[in-house]
Amino acid sequence: MSEDRVNDLGRLDAAWGAELTLQEVSRAGGAALLRMRIRQGRRFTDVEFAPDAAREFAGLLVEWAEQQPEGD
């Protein structure tokens, strides 16, 4: 049985004390996914994106961010 390979891509602090971690997950058979782990205290949620969904999600994030005023 093959195990997933996980490569840490980055971490950032989010609102209300949450921590976001991004990882590349390489599955047996060659499929690659982007994992976003949202940790709040002892609780966490993993969301995994296929490449097409990651591109779409990234576009939505950029679109929203560009509509916000500069600064915090």
N, C-alpha and C. Protein backbone atom coordinates (compact mmCIF):
# COMPACT_ATOMS: atom_id res chain seq x y z
N MET A 1 0.84 -1.19 0.00
CA MET A 1 0.00 0.00 0.00
C MET A 1 0.88 1.24 0.00
N SER A 2 0.68 2.13 -0.97
CA SER A 2 1.48 3.35 -1.07
C SER A 2 0.90 4.43 -0.19
N GLU A 3 1.77 5.25 0.31
CA GLU A 3 1.32 6.39 1.11
C GLU A 3 1.37 7.65 0.26
N ASP A 4 0.54 8.63 0.63
CA ASP A 4 0.58 9.93 -0.02
C ASP A 4 1.89 10.63 0.33
N ARG A 5 2.41 11.38 -0.62
CA ARG A 5 3.54 12.26 -0.34
C ARG A 5 2.99 13.66 -0.13
N VAL A 6 3.44 14.31 0.95
CA VAL A 6 2.93 15.63 1.31
C VAL A 6 4.09 16.62 1.32
N ASN A 7 3.93 17.72 0.60
CA ASN A 7 4.94 18.78 0.53
C ASN A 7 4.31 20.07 1.07
N ASP A 8 4.87 20.59 2.16
CA ASP A 8 4.36 21.84 2.73
C ASP A 8 4.69 23.00 1.81
N LEU A 9 3.68 23.83 1.51
CA LEU A 9 3.85 24.98 0.62
C LEU A 9 3.86 26.30 1.36
N GLY A 10 3.20 26.39 2.48
CA GLY A 10 3.17 27.64 3.22
C GLY A 10 2.12 27.65 4.30
N ARG A 11 2.22 28.66 5.15
CA ARG A 11 1.30 28.81 6.27
C ARG A 11 1.04 30.29 6.48
N LEU A 12 -0.18 30.64 6.87
CA LEU A 12 -0.47 32.03 7.20
C LEU A 12 -1.53 32.09 8.29
N ASP A 13 -1.49 33.18 9.02
CA ASP A 13 -2.47 33.42 10.07
C ASP A 13 -3.69 34.08 9.44
N ALA A 14 -4.88 33.66 9.86
CA ALA A 14 -6.13 34.20 9.34
C ALA A 14 -6.90 34.89 10.47
N ALA A 15 -8.04 35.40 10.12
CA ALA A 15 -8.88 36.11 11.09
C ALA A 15 -9.30 35.18 12.23
N TRP A 16 -9.55 35.76 13.38
CA TRP A 16 -10.07 35.09 14.57
C TRP A 16 -9.18 33.94 15.05
N GLY A 17 -7.87 34.09 14.89
CA GLY A 17 -6.94 33.11 15.42
C GLY A 17 -6.80 31.84 14.60
N ALA A 18 -7.38 31.79 13.44
CA ALA A 18 -7.27 30.60 12.59
C ALA A 18 -5.90 30.58 11.91
N GLU A 19 -5.45 29.39 11.57
CA GLU A 19 -4.19 29.19 10.86
C GLU A 19 -4.49 28.39 9.60
N LEU A 20 -3.99 28.87 8.46
CA LEU A 20 -4.16 28.17 7.18
C LEU A 20 -2.83 27.57 6.76
N THR A 21 -2.86 26.32 6.37
CA THR A 21 -1.67 25.63 5.86
C THR A 21 -2.00 25.10 4.48
N LEU A 22 -1.08 25.31 3.53
CA LEU A 22 -1.25 24.76 2.18
C LEU A 22 -0.22 23.66 1.97
N GLN A 23 -0.68 22.55 1.39
CA GLN A 23 0.20 21.42 1.12
C GLN A 23 -0.13 20.85 -0.26
N GLU A 24 0.89 20.36 -0.94
CA GLU A 24 0.69 19.58 -2.15
C GLU A 24 0.67 18.12 -1.73
N VAL A 25 -0.37 17.41 -2.12
CA VAL A 25 -0.52 16.00 -1.79
C VAL A 25 -0.43 15.21 -3.08
N SER A 26 0.59 14.34 -3.17
CA SER A 26 0.75 13.47 -4.34
C SER A 26 0.24 12.10 -3.97
N ARG A 27 -0.81 11.67 -4.66
CA ARG A 27 -1.45 10.39 -4.38
C ARG A 27 -0.76 9.28 -5.17
N ALA A 28 -0.91 8.07 -4.69
CA ALA A 28 -0.44 6.91 -5.45
C ALA A 28 -1.10 6.94 -6.81
N GLY A 29 -0.36 6.70 -7.85
CA GLY A 29 -0.91 6.78 -9.19
C GLY A 29 -0.64 8.11 -9.86
N GLY A 30 -0.09 9.08 -9.12
CA GLY A 30 0.36 10.32 -9.71
C GLY A 30 -0.56 11.52 -9.60
N ALA A 31 -1.76 11.38 -9.08
CA ALA A 31 -2.65 12.53 -8.95
C ALA A 31 -2.11 13.50 -7.89
N ALA A 32 -2.15 14.78 -8.21
CA ALA A 32 -1.70 15.81 -7.27
C ALA A 32 -2.89 16.67 -6.87
N LEU A 33 -3.00 16.96 -5.59
CA LEU A 33 -4.06 17.81 -5.06
C LEU A 33 -3.44 18.89 -4.19
N LEU A 34 -4.15 19.99 -4.07
CA LEU A 34 -3.77 21.05 -3.14
C LEU A 34 -4.64 20.90 -1.90
N ARG A 35 -4.01 20.75 -0.75
CA ARG A 35 -4.76 20.64 0.51
C ARG A 35 -4.65 21.95 1.27
N MET A 36 -5.79 22.49 1.66
CA MET A 36 -5.83 23.65 2.54
C MET A 36 -6.37 23.16 3.88
N ARG A 37 -5.55 23.30 4.91
CA ARG A 37 -5.97 22.91 6.26
C ARG A 37 -6.26 24.18 7.04
N ILE A 38 -7.46 24.26 7.59
CA ILE A 38 -7.88 25.39 8.41
C ILE A 38 -7.92 24.89 9.85
N ARG A 39 -7.08 25.48 10.69
CA ARG A 39 -7.02 25.05 12.08
C ARG A 39 -7.48 26.19 12.97
N GLN A 40 -8.43 25.87 13.84
CA GLN A 40 -8.92 26.82 14.84
C GLN A 40 -8.88 26.11 16.18
N GLY A 41 -7.89 26.46 16.99
CA GLY A 41 -7.71 25.77 18.26
C GLY A 41 -7.37 24.31 18.01
N ARG A 42 -8.14 23.41 18.60
CA ARG A 42 -7.90 21.99 18.42
C ARG A 42 -8.64 21.41 17.23
N ARG A 43 -9.53 22.19 16.63
CA ARG A 43 -10.32 21.72 15.49
C ARG A 43 -9.63 22.07 14.19
N PHE A 44 -9.76 21.19 13.20
CA PHE A 44 -9.25 21.53 11.88
C PHE A 44 -10.14 20.92 10.81
N THR A 45 -10.08 21.56 9.64
CA THR A 45 -10.82 21.12 8.47
C THR A 45 -9.87 21.07 7.30
N ASP A 46 -9.86 19.95 6.56
CA ASP A 46 -9.06 19.84 5.36
C ASP A 46 -9.97 19.97 4.14
N VAL A 47 -9.52 20.77 3.18
CA VAL A 47 -10.21 20.90 1.90
C VAL A 47 -9.17 20.59 0.84
N GLU A 48 -9.47 19.66 -0.05
CA GLU A 48 -8.53 19.29 -1.10
C GLU A 48 -9.08 19.70 -2.46
N PHE A 49 -8.22 20.33 -3.26
CA PHE A 49 -8.60 20.86 -4.56
C PHE A 49 -7.84 20.14 -5.66
N ALA A 50 -8.54 19.73 -6.71
CA ALA A 50 -7.89 19.29 -7.94
C ALA A 50 -7.32 20.55 -8.62
N PRO A 51 -6.38 20.40 -9.55
CA PRO A 51 -5.78 21.59 -10.17
C PRO A 51 -6.77 22.57 -10.77
N ASP A 52 -7.78 22.10 -11.49
CA ASP A 52 -8.76 23.03 -12.09
C ASP A 52 -9.54 23.80 -11.02
N ALA A 53 -9.93 23.11 -9.96
CA ALA A 53 -10.66 23.77 -8.88
C ALA A 53 -9.77 24.76 -8.14
N ALA A 54 -8.48 24.42 -7.98
CA ALA A 54 -7.54 25.33 -7.32
C ALA A 54 -7.38 26.62 -8.13
N ARG A 55 -7.29 26.49 -9.45
CA ARG A 55 -7.18 27.69 -10.31
C ARG A 55 -8.43 28.55 -10.18
N GLU A 56 -9.60 27.93 -10.20
CA GLU A 56 -10.84 28.67 -10.08
C GLU A 56 -10.95 29.36 -8.72
N PHE A 57 -10.59 28.65 -7.65
CA PHE A 57 -10.62 29.21 -6.30
C PHE A 57 -9.64 30.37 -6.19
N ALA A 58 -8.44 30.22 -6.74
CA ALA A 58 -7.44 31.29 -6.71
C ALA A 58 -7.96 32.53 -7.42
N GLY A 59 -8.62 32.34 -8.55
CA GLY A 59 -9.19 33.47 -9.28
C GLY A 59 -10.24 34.20 -8.47
N LEU A 60 -11.10 33.45 -7.79
CA LEU A 60 -12.12 34.08 -6.95
C LEU A 60 -11.48 34.86 -5.80
N LEU A 61 -10.43 34.31 -5.19
CA LEU A 61 -9.74 35.03 -4.12
C LEU A 61 -9.13 36.33 -4.62
N VAL A 62 -8.47 36.28 -5.76
CA VAL A 62 -7.84 37.48 -6.33
C VAL A 62 -8.91 38.51 -6.68
N GLU A 63 -9.98 38.06 -7.30
CA GLU A 63 -11.06 38.99 -7.68
C GLU A 63 -11.61 39.71 -6.45
N TRP A 64 -11.86 38.97 -5.37
CA TRP A 64 -12.37 39.58 -4.15
C TRP A 64 -11.35 40.54 -3.55
N ALA A 65 -10.09 40.12 -3.46
CA ALA A 65 -9.06 40.94 -2.84
C ALA A 65 -8.85 42.25 -3.59
N GLU A 66 -8.93 42.21 -4.92
CA GLU A 66 -8.73 43.42 -5.71
C GLU A 66 -9.86 44.43 -5.53
N GLN A 67 -11.00 43.99 -5.05
CA GLN A 67 -12.13 44.91 -4.82
C GLN A 67 -12.08 45.54 -3.43
N GLN A 68 -11.13 45.13 -2.59
CA GLN A 68 -11.05 45.64 -1.23
C GLN A 68 -10.11 46.85 -1.16
N PRO A 69 -10.35 47.75 -0.21
CA PRO A 69 -9.44 48.90 -0.07
C PRO A 69 -8.04 48.43 0.38
N GLU A 70 -7.05 49.21 0.04
CA GLU A 70 -5.67 48.88 0.43
C GLU A 70 -5.52 48.90 1.95
N GLY A 71 -4.56 48.14 2.45
CA GLY A 71 -4.30 48.10 3.88
C GLY A 71 -4.86 46.86 4.50
N ASP A 72 -5.02 46.89 5.81
CA ASP A 72 -5.53 45.71 6.53
C ASP A 72 -6.96 45.55 6.19
